[in-house]
């Protein structure tokens, strides 16, 4: 190999390593909560009710209470203990019930937060919109494809605000990633990958069952709803994500978070074209239908996406975008962009089988077309650059405040039912492929998933 070429490659590699190690770190600035510091007039206060006050229900209730100009007035759940928890988190006496329709009948409720099992999302959202209430619905938005379209219709026909609860849509980190992606700095992005893993019983939804759980403290028949009838089973009630009658498993719980971020960053406004899933139940084998490992390859028009959720090994939550000019990585609340070295280089590998005369002529011609820069005209290889959210930044608060601002201003939600439909369908496609052992294809004309 030509000595000049070897030295240049070594220099470029060393420069890249040195500059990459000294990457620039930028601290992102959160968007101020729009209702602060001016305060909220009494007439602009959003009075909300929580429907479903379990794990996520209490989490989003607390997030709503941290937003300026909000007030909780009611809560609904099917388990007595959760109603007690709701009153405790509210910090004041509130109306509680096991019948969500009683919430929708109240004149003092402007908006509802829905954090029920997936199979109840559509019905409650439709009823709430019809009752003139705005809706914050936890992800995945729907339990089926048909429900997703029905929820879009409810939002549009009743002119209500509907926001889906996948919070990274309001993250300042993902907003910066979207800006970088749109700028073309990454070049042509053809591959994206992401993973979100857990390694404990809680992550696998094997939650402890409260000692007072019984048919006397739980409205079992209401929980079932349109799901197949069966005898009371506290495992199904408290660990519902493990069962297909009520939840969408890992795609509905964790894929949707990753899909929301990727759709936002890449400007995706439709479901993927195809999906192929593999996985299995390896460790959490009791009382479960949903896999504890699933890996899915999605086909989008301009790139391919690989998603993984593994409940048997903890690793950092990360997404990566691979472009011809650079790689962008989001790991927790840190975004890093690492440029690729795309400077022109003479071929060295494949010409080793050429005669010396031809190799020499090729390199001479290449140098003629790519003269060395004059002293002082060298261009440094760009270094990696990182963007980080400040300490204690909580994008759940931003996301909930975005909803409350939409309720006040009647401006469209940042993550409405159409957005939620697209990510929910992708999750449904992943499950369709896994459980049917096939390649799933989205048929937009017929609005259904089918075997490719």
Protein backbone atom coordinates (compact mmCIF):
# COMPACT_ATOMS: atom_id res chain seq x y z
CA UNK A 1 0.00 0.00 0.00
CA UNK A 2 1.22 3.52 -0.79
CA UNK A 3 3.13 5.06 2.13
CA UNK A 4 1.49 8.46 1.66
CA UNK A 5 -1.94 6.90 1.76
CA UNK A 6 -1.17 4.88 4.89
CA UNK A 7 0.12 7.93 6.74
CA UNK A 8 -2.90 9.99 5.75
CA UNK A 9 -5.32 7.33 6.97
CA UNK A 10 -3.44 7.06 10.25
CA UNK A 11 -3.52 10.85 10.62
CA UNK A 12 -7.25 11.03 9.88
CA UNK A 13 -8.03 8.22 12.28
CA UNK A 14 -5.93 9.74 15.06
CA UNK A 15 -7.47 13.16 14.48
CA UNK A 16 -10.99 11.76 14.63
CA UNK A 17 -10.26 9.91 17.86
CA UNK A 18 -8.63 12.93 19.47
CA UNK A 19 -11.34 15.37 18.48
CA UNK A 20 -14.13 12.91 19.29
CA UNK A 21 -12.77 12.52 22.80
CA UNK A 22 -13.01 16.27 23.28
CA UNK A 23 -16.68 16.46 22.25
CA UNK A 24 -18.56 19.66 22.92
CA UNK A 25 -21.34 19.41 25.54
CA UNK A 26 -24.35 21.74 25.38
CA UNK A 27 -26.93 22.12 28.13
CA UNK A 28 -30.44 22.43 26.69
CA UNK A 29 -32.90 24.96 28.08
CA UNK A 30 -36.39 23.71 28.96
CA UNK A 31 -39.34 25.64 27.61
CA UNK A 32 -40.87 27.58 30.51
CA UNK A 33 -44.26 26.28 31.55
CA UNK A 34 -46.56 28.56 29.59
CA UNK A 35 -48.90 29.25 32.49
CA UNK A 36 -46.06 30.48 34.71
CA UNK A 37 -45.00 32.92 36.03
CA UNK A 38 -48.05 35.01 35.18
CA UNK A 39 -50.39 32.73 37.10
CA UNK A 40 -53.72 31.42 35.85
CA UNK A 41 -56.97 33.34 36.28
CA UNK A 42 -59.64 31.37 38.10
CA UNK A 43 -61.69 31.10 34.94
CA UNK A 44 -58.79 29.47 33.07
CA UNK A 45 -58.16 26.77 35.65
CA UNK A 46 -58.42 23.25 34.22
CA UNK A 47 -60.44 20.96 36.45
CA UNK A 48 -59.60 17.34 35.73
CA UNK A 49 -60.53 13.85 36.82
CA UNK A 50 -58.41 10.71 36.75
CA UNK A 51 -59.99 7.56 35.35
CA UNK A 52 -57.71 4.75 36.45
CA UNK A 53 -55.50 5.47 39.45
CA UNK A 54 -53.08 2.55 39.40
CA UNK A 55 -49.36 2.73 38.69
CA UNK A 56 -49.41 5.14 35.74
CA UNK A 57 -52.65 6.77 36.78
CA UNK A 58 -51.12 8.13 39.97
CA UNK A 59 -47.97 9.14 38.09
CA UNK A 60 -49.80 11.30 35.56
CA UNK A 61 -52.13 12.63 38.26
CA UNK A 62 -49.11 13.93 40.15
CA UNK A 63 -47.70 15.41 36.93
CA UNK A 64 -50.99 17.20 36.28
CA UNK A 65 -51.04 18.64 39.78
CA UNK A 66 -47.57 20.12 39.21
CA UNK A 67 -48.79 22.06 36.18
CA UNK A 68 -49.89 25.66 36.83
CA UNK A 69 -53.63 26.26 36.95
CA UNK A 70 -54.92 22.73 37.45
CA UNK A 71 -57.24 21.18 39.99
CA UNK A 72 -58.27 17.58 40.53
CA UNK A 73 -61.96 17.19 41.32
CA UNK A 74 -62.69 13.47 40.89
CA UNK A 75 -61.20 10.02 40.41
CA UNK A 76 -62.41 6.62 39.23
CA UNK A 77 -60.99 3.14 39.65
CA UNK A 78 -62.35 -0.38 40.05
CA UNK A 79 -60.32 -1.22 43.17
CA UNK A 80 -61.12 0.40 46.53
CA UNK A 81 -57.45 0.74 47.48
CA UNK A 82 -56.69 2.84 44.42
CA UNK A 83 -59.55 5.19 45.20
CA UNK A 84 -58.02 5.71 48.62
CA UNK A 85 -54.62 6.35 46.99
CA UNK A 86 -56.22 8.91 44.66
CA UNK A 87 -57.66 10.85 47.58
CA UNK A 88 -54.28 10.75 49.30
CA UNK A 89 -52.45 12.11 46.24
CA UNK A 90 -55.12 14.77 45.72
CA UNK A 91 -54.48 16.06 49.23
CA UNK A 92 -58.10 17.02 49.68
CA UNK A 93 -61.56 15.43 49.60
CA UNK A 94 -62.58 14.58 46.02
CA UNK A 95 -65.43 12.68 44.45
CA UNK A 96 -64.52 9.01 43.82
CA UNK A 97 -66.44 6.28 42.02
CA UNK A 98 -66.08 2.93 40.30
CA UNK A 99 -68.30 4.06 37.39
CA UNK A 100 -66.46 6.35 34.95
CA UNK A 101 -69.80 7.54 33.54
CA UNK A 102 -70.44 9.34 36.82
CA UNK A 103 -67.27 11.33 36.14
CA UNK A 104 -68.45 12.29 32.66
CA UNK A 105 -71.80 13.48 34.04
CA UNK A 106 -70.13 16.11 36.25
CA UNK A 107 -70.22 19.76 35.17
CA UNK A 108 -67.06 20.56 37.11
CA UNK A 109 -64.86 18.25 35.00
CA UNK A 110 -63.13 19.88 32.01
CA UNK A 111 -60.78 17.04 31.12
CA UNK A 112 -60.10 13.42 32.01
CA UNK A 113 -56.85 11.50 32.33
CA UNK A 114 -57.35 7.90 31.18
CA UNK A 115 -54.94 5.35 32.62
CA UNK A 116 -56.96 2.14 32.44
CA UNK A 117 -56.04 -1.19 30.86
CA UNK A 118 -55.71 -0.84 27.08
CA UNK A 119 -59.00 -2.53 26.24
CA UNK A 120 -60.93 0.32 27.93
CA UNK A 121 -59.14 3.25 26.24
CA UNK A 122 -61.37 3.55 23.19
CA UNK A 123 -64.74 3.32 24.88
CA UNK A 124 -63.92 5.83 27.62
CA UNK A 125 -62.33 8.23 25.11
CA UNK A 126 -65.36 8.08 22.85
CA UNK A 127 -67.77 8.58 25.74
CA UNK A 128 -65.68 11.43 27.16
CA UNK A 129 -65.55 13.27 23.82
CA UNK A 130 -69.29 12.84 23.41
CA UNK A 131 -69.76 14.29 26.90
CA UNK A 132 -67.74 17.40 25.98
CA UNK A 133 -64.61 16.44 27.94
CA UNK A 134 -61.04 16.74 26.69
CA UNK A 135 -58.93 13.60 26.98
CA UNK A 136 -55.40 12.68 27.97
CA UNK A 137 -55.15 8.96 27.17
CA UNK A 138 -52.23 6.77 28.15
CA UNK A 139 -50.35 4.84 25.49
CA UNK A 140 -50.90 2.70 23.53
CA UNK A 141 -53.87 4.73 22.42
CA UNK A 142 -55.88 1.71 21.28
CA UNK A 143 -56.21 -2.02 21.82
CA UNK A 144 -57.11 -2.70 18.17
CA UNK A 145 -56.74 -1.01 14.80
CA UNK A 146 -60.49 -0.45 14.55
CA UNK A 147 -60.52 1.31 17.92
CA UNK A 148 -57.74 3.65 16.82
CA UNK A 149 -59.79 4.99 13.93
CA UNK A 150 -62.89 5.25 16.12
CA UNK A 151 -60.93 7.39 18.59
CA UNK A 152 -59.78 9.71 15.79
CA UNK A 153 -63.40 10.06 14.69
CA UNK A 154 -64.49 10.88 18.25
CA UNK A 155 -61.85 13.61 18.53
CA UNK A 156 -62.76 15.16 15.20
CA UNK A 157 -66.55 14.80 15.33
CA UNK A 158 -66.85 16.28 18.83
CA UNK A 159 -64.04 18.83 18.32
CA UNK A 160 -62.25 17.79 21.51
CA UNK A 161 -58.60 17.92 22.54
CA UNK A 162 -57.17 14.40 22.67
CA UNK A 163 -53.55 13.87 23.69
CA UNK A 164 -51.76 10.54 23.95
CA UNK A 165 -49.47 9.98 26.92
CA UNK A 166 -46.13 9.12 25.37
CA UNK A 167 -44.13 11.88 26.99
CA UNK A 168 -40.97 12.00 24.88
CA UNK A 169 -43.04 13.86 22.27
CA UNK A 170 -42.65 16.91 24.54
CA UNK A 171 -38.99 16.32 25.47
CA UNK A 172 -36.47 19.07 24.74
CA UNK A 173 -33.94 16.35 23.91
CA UNK A 174 -36.12 14.87 21.19
CA UNK A 175 -36.94 18.35 19.91
CA UNK A 176 -33.21 18.97 19.43
CA UNK A 177 -32.83 15.59 17.72
CA UNK A 178 -35.66 16.50 15.33
CA UNK A 179 -33.92 19.78 14.50
CA UNK A 180 -30.63 17.98 13.74
CA UNK A 181 -32.36 15.29 11.67
CA UNK A 182 -34.25 17.88 9.60
CA UNK A 183 -31.09 19.93 9.01
CA UNK A 184 -29.53 17.15 6.95
CA UNK A 185 -26.47 17.04 9.20
CA UNK A 186 -26.72 13.25 9.39
CA UNK A 187 -26.87 12.86 5.61
CA UNK A 188 -29.11 10.09 4.31
CA UNK A 189 -30.45 8.09 7.24
CA UNK A 190 -31.17 4.51 6.20
CA UNK A 191 -31.19 2.70 9.54
CA UNK A 192 -32.51 3.41 13.03
CA UNK A 193 -32.31 1.17 16.09
CA UNK A 194 -33.62 1.45 19.64
CA UNK A 195 -33.94 -0.67 22.76
CA UNK A 196 -35.70 -0.33 26.09
CA UNK A 197 -34.99 -3.20 28.49
CA UNK A 198 -35.80 -4.24 32.05
CA UNK A 199 -34.48 -6.90 34.43
CA UNK A 200 -36.77 -7.21 37.43
CA UNK A 201 -40.23 -8.42 38.36
CA UNK A 202 -41.74 -4.94 38.24
CA UNK A 203 -40.40 -4.40 34.72
CA UNK A 204 -42.01 -7.69 33.71
CA UNK A 205 -45.34 -6.50 35.24
CA UNK A 206 -45.21 -9.18 37.94
CA UNK A 207 -46.58 -6.72 40.48
CA UNK A 208 -47.45 -7.68 44.08
CA UNK A 209 -51.16 -8.18 44.67
CA UNK A 210 -52.62 -6.11 47.55
CA UNK A 211 -53.63 -8.32 50.50
CA UNK A 212 -57.16 -6.86 50.55
CA UNK A 213 -57.85 -7.63 46.87
CA UNK A 214 -61.11 -9.55 46.55
CA UNK A 215 -64.40 -9.56 44.69
CA UNK A 216 -65.69 -7.27 47.44
CA UNK A 217 -63.01 -4.60 46.83
CA UNK A 218 -62.77 -4.97 43.03
CA UNK A 219 -65.49 -4.59 40.37
CA UNK A 220 -64.37 -7.58 38.34
CA UNK A 221 -67.20 -7.60 35.78
CA UNK A 222 -66.62 -3.94 34.95
CA UNK A 223 -62.91 -4.65 34.50
CA UNK A 224 -63.69 -7.33 31.92
CA UNK A 225 -65.87 -5.04 29.83
CA UNK A 226 -65.99 -6.48 26.30
CA UNK A 227 -63.21 -8.99 27.05
CA UNK A 228 -64.16 -12.69 27.33
CA UNK A 229 -66.01 -13.53 30.53
CA UNK A 230 -64.11 -15.50 33.16
CA UNK A 231 -64.03 -16.02 36.91
CA UNK A 232 -62.41 -13.47 39.19
CA UNK A 233 -58.63 -13.57 38.91
CA UNK A 234 -56.55 -10.97 40.77
CA UNK A 235 -53.49 -11.86 38.69
CA UNK A 236 -55.27 -10.73 35.54
CA UNK A 237 -56.54 -7.59 37.22
CA UNK A 238 -53.21 -6.35 38.58
CA UNK A 239 -50.93 -7.82 35.90
CA UNK A 240 -53.18 -7.19 32.92
CA UNK A 241 -50.35 -6.31 30.51
CA UNK A 242 -49.38 -9.98 30.53
CA UNK A 243 -52.66 -10.98 28.85
CA UNK A 244 -53.82 -10.25 25.30
CA UNK A 245 -57.45 -9.71 26.30
CA UNK A 246 -56.53 -6.48 28.08
CA UNK A 247 -53.14 -5.23 26.89
CA UNK A 248 -50.65 -5.04 24.04
CA UNK A 249 -47.65 -6.43 25.94
CA UNK A 250 -44.21 -5.00 25.27
CA UNK A 251 -45.12 -3.27 21.99
CA UNK A 252 -47.96 -1.42 23.74
CA UNK A 253 -46.00 -0.64 26.90
CA UNK A 254 -42.48 0.14 25.65
CA UNK A 255 -42.32 0.07 21.83
CA UNK A 256 -44.77 2.99 21.73
CA UNK A 257 -42.36 5.19 23.70
CA UNK A 258 -39.59 4.51 21.20
CA UNK A 259 -41.91 4.78 18.19
CA UNK A 260 -43.25 8.12 19.40
CA UNK A 261 -39.75 9.56 19.65
CA UNK A 262 -38.63 8.16 16.30
CA UNK A 263 -41.77 9.29 14.47
CA UNK A 264 -41.28 12.77 15.94
CA UNK A 265 -37.57 13.02 15.15
CA UNK A 266 -37.90 11.67 11.60
CA UNK A 267 -41.20 13.42 10.76
CA UNK A 268 -43.11 10.15 10.27
CA UNK A 269 -46.87 10.66 9.78
CA UNK A 270 -48.04 7.15 8.89
CA UNK A 271 -47.69 3.58 10.17
CA UNK A 272 -44.78 1.45 8.92
CA UNK A 273 -45.23 -0.52 5.72
CA UNK A 274 -44.26 -3.92 7.14
CA UNK A 275 -43.13 -5.51 10.41
CA UNK A 276 -41.41 -8.77 11.31
CA UNK A 277 -41.15 -9.87 14.96
CA UNK A 278 -39.39 -12.65 16.80
CA UNK A 279 -39.12 -13.33 20.52
CA UNK A 280 -40.47 -15.64 23.20
CA UNK A 281 -41.23 -16.29 26.84
CA UNK A 282 -37.93 -17.33 28.39
CA UNK A 283 -37.86 -16.31 32.06
CA UNK A 284 -41.21 -14.99 33.26
CA UNK A 285 -43.08 -18.13 32.33
CA UNK A 286 -46.02 -18.20 34.77
CA UNK A 287 -49.41 -16.58 34.16
CA UNK A 288 -48.39 -14.86 30.97
CA UNK A 289 -49.23 -14.70 27.26
CA UNK A 290 -47.08 -11.70 26.29
CA UNK A 291 -43.42 -12.41 25.43
CA UNK A 292 -40.64 -11.28 27.76
CA UNK A 293 -38.39 -10.70 24.74
CA UNK A 294 -39.45 -9.25 21.41
CA UNK A 295 -37.41 -7.93 18.52
CA UNK A 296 -39.06 -6.28 15.52
CA UNK A 297 -37.79 -4.99 12.19
CA UNK A 298 -40.04 -2.29 10.73
CA UNK A 299 -40.00 -1.10 7.13
CA UNK A 300 -40.53 2.63 6.56
CA UNK A 301 -40.24 4.22 3.11
CA UNK A 302 -36.85 5.86 3.75
CA UNK A 303 -35.25 3.69 6.42
CA UNK A 304 -35.48 0.44 8.36
CA UNK A 305 -36.08 0.42 12.12
CA UNK A 306 -35.04 -2.25 14.61
CA UNK A 307 -36.73 -2.23 18.05
CA UNK A 308 -35.99 -4.51 20.99
CA UNK A 309 -37.47 -5.00 24.42
CA UNK A 310 -35.88 -7.58 26.71
CA UNK A 311 -37.18 -8.19 30.23
CA UNK A 312 -34.24 -10.44 31.07
CA UNK A 313 -31.33 -7.99 30.99
CA UNK A 314 -31.05 -4.31 31.90
CA UNK A 315 -29.23 -2.06 29.46
CA UNK A 316 -29.35 1.69 28.81
CA UNK A 317 -32.41 3.00 26.96
CA UNK A 318 -30.97 4.18 23.67
CA UNK A 319 -31.94 5.05 20.12
CA UNK A 320 -29.51 5.55 17.24
CA UNK A 321 -29.89 7.11 13.81
CA UNK A 322 -27.32 6.02 11.23
CA UNK A 323 -26.70 8.53 8.44
CA UNK A 324 -24.14 8.80 5.67
CA UNK A 325 -22.67 11.91 7.33
CA UNK A 326 -23.08 11.10 11.00
CA UNK A 327 -24.58 9.03 13.79
CA UNK A 328 -27.04 10.47 16.29
CA UNK A 329 -27.61 8.73 19.63
CA UNK A 330 -30.13 9.48 22.35
CA UNK A 331 -29.27 7.78 25.63
CA UNK A 332 -31.63 8.74 28.43
CA UNK A 333 -31.51 12.57 28.43
CA UNK A 334 -28.24 12.92 26.50
CA UNK A 335 -28.10 13.43 22.72
CA UNK A 336 -24.80 12.93 20.92
CA UNK A 337 -24.00 13.52 17.26
CA UNK A 338 -20.81 11.95 15.93
CA UNK A 339 -19.81 12.96 12.38
CA UNK A 340 -18.56 10.38 9.90
CA UNK A 341 -15.23 11.01 8.17
CA UNK A 342 -16.46 11.55 4.61
CA UNK A 343 -13.34 13.27 3.23
CA UNK A 344 -12.29 11.83 -0.18
CA UNK A 345 -9.69 9.06 0.06
CA UNK A 346 -7.81 7.07 -2.57
CA UNK A 347 -8.75 3.42 -2.85
CA UNK A 348 -6.21 1.20 -1.15
CA UNK A 349 -7.82 -2.15 -0.51
CA UNK A 350 -9.08 -3.35 -3.87
CA UNK A 351 -6.13 -2.14 -5.96
CA UNK A 352 -3.70 -4.42 -4.14
CA UNK A 353 -4.30 -6.98 -6.88
CA UNK A 354 -3.42 -4.52 -9.62
CA UNK A 355 0.03 -4.45 -11.26
CA UNK A 356 2.40 -1.88 -9.78
CA UNK A 357 2.22 0.26 -12.91
CA UNK A 358 -1.58 0.54 -12.75
CA UNK A 359 -1.56 1.19 -9.00
CA UNK A 360 0.98 3.97 -9.44
CA UNK A 361 -0.97 5.56 -12.30
CA UNK A 362 -4.23 5.36 -10.33
CA UNK A 363 -2.74 7.06 -7.26
CA UNK A 364 -1.04 9.72 -9.36
CA UNK A 365 -4.32 10.50 -11.11
CA UNK A 366 -6.19 10.55 -7.82
CA UNK A 367 -3.70 13.03 -6.30
CA UNK A 368 -3.99 15.17 -9.39
CA UNK A 369 -7.75 15.37 -8.94
CA UNK A 370 -7.46 15.83 -5.14
CA UNK A 371 -4.42 18.06 -4.50
CA UNK A 372 -3.20 18.42 -0.95
CA UNK A 373 -4.38 21.66 0.70
CA UNK A 374 -1.85 24.40 1.09
CA UNK A 375 -0.44 25.20 4.54
CA UNK A 376 -3.11 26.85 6.66
CA UNK A 377 -5.96 25.47 4.55
CA UNK A 378 -6.46 22.13 6.29
CA UNK A 379 -10.01 21.46 7.45
CA UNK A 380 -10.31 19.80 10.84
CA UNK A 381 -12.55 16.80 11.15
CA UNK A 382 -15.70 17.88 13.09
CA UNK A 383 -15.82 16.57 16.62
CA UNK A 384 -18.72 14.88 18.36
CA UNK A 385 -21.24 17.19 19.97
CA UNK A 386 -23.57 16.39 22.87
CA UNK A 387 -26.76 18.01 24.09
CA UNK A 388 -28.04 17.28 27.57
CA UNK A 389 -31.15 18.09 29.55
CA UNK A 390 -30.45 19.96 32.79
CA UNK A 391 -30.55 18.13 36.14
CA UNK A 392 -34.03 17.29 37.42
CA UNK A 393 -35.61 17.97 34.02
CA UNK A 394 -38.91 16.05 33.79
CA UNK A 395 -40.50 15.86 30.35
CA UNK A 396 -43.62 14.27 31.86
CA UNK A 397 -44.43 17.69 33.31
CA UNK A 398 -43.83 19.36 29.93
CA UNK A 399 -46.09 16.83 28.21
CA UNK A 400 -48.90 17.21 30.72
CA UNK A 401 -48.59 21.00 30.64
CA UNK A 402 -48.82 20.90 26.84
CA UNK A 403 -52.14 19.09 27.26
CA UNK A 404 -53.43 21.58 29.82
CA UNK A 405 -52.43 24.49 27.56
CA UNK A 406 -54.30 22.90 24.65
CA UNK A 407 -57.38 22.56 26.84
CA UNK A 408 -57.18 26.26 27.71
CA UNK A 409 -56.32 27.64 24.27
CA UNK A 410 -58.11 25.06 22.08
CA UNK A 411 -54.91 24.76 20.05
CA UNK A 412 -54.17 21.26 18.65
CA UNK A 413 -52.41 18.78 20.89
CA UNK A 414 -48.74 17.98 20.29
CA UNK A 415 -49.66 14.27 20.19
CA UNK A 416 -53.25 13.96 19.07
CA UNK A 417 -55.30 10.87 18.21
CA UNK A 418 -53.96 10.78 14.65
CA UNK A 419 -50.40 10.70 15.96
CA UNK A 420 -51.41 8.08 18.54
CA UNK A 421 -53.11 5.99 15.87
CA UNK A 422 -49.92 5.69 13.83
CA UNK A 423 -47.76 4.53 16.74
CA UNK A 424 -50.50 2.21 18.05
CA UNK A 425 -50.84 0.55 14.64
CA UNK A 426 -47.07 -0.05 14.57
CA UNK A 427 -47.38 -1.78 17.96
CA UNK A 428 -50.33 -3.82 16.71
CA UNK A 429 -48.28 -4.86 13.67
CA UNK A 430 -45.44 -6.05 15.90
CA UNK A 431 -47.84 -8.21 17.90
CA UNK A 432 -49.60 -9.48 14.77
CA UNK A 433 -46.28 -10.65 13.36
CA UNK A 434 -45.18 -12.27 16.64
CA UNK A 435 -48.37 -14.16 17.43
CA UNK A 436 -49.09 -15.19 13.83
CA UNK A 437 -45.45 -16.02 13.02
CA UNK A 438 -45.61 -14.02 9.80
CA UNK A 439 -44.60 -10.82 8.09
CA UNK A 440 -47.23 -8.18 8.89
CA UNK A 441 -48.18 -5.58 6.28
CA UNK A 442 -50.22 -2.41 6.74
CA UNK A 443 -53.02 -2.00 4.20
CA UNK A 444 -53.90 1.70 4.30
CA UNK A 445 -56.74 1.40 1.78
CA UNK A 446 -58.56 -1.23 3.83
CA UNK A 447 -57.32 0.09 7.20
CA UNK A 448 -56.13 -3.29 8.39
CA UNK A 449 -53.08 -5.40 9.12
CA UNK A 450 -52.65 -8.45 6.91
CA UNK A 451 -50.12 -11.15 6.23
CA UNK A 452 -47.61 -9.96 3.63
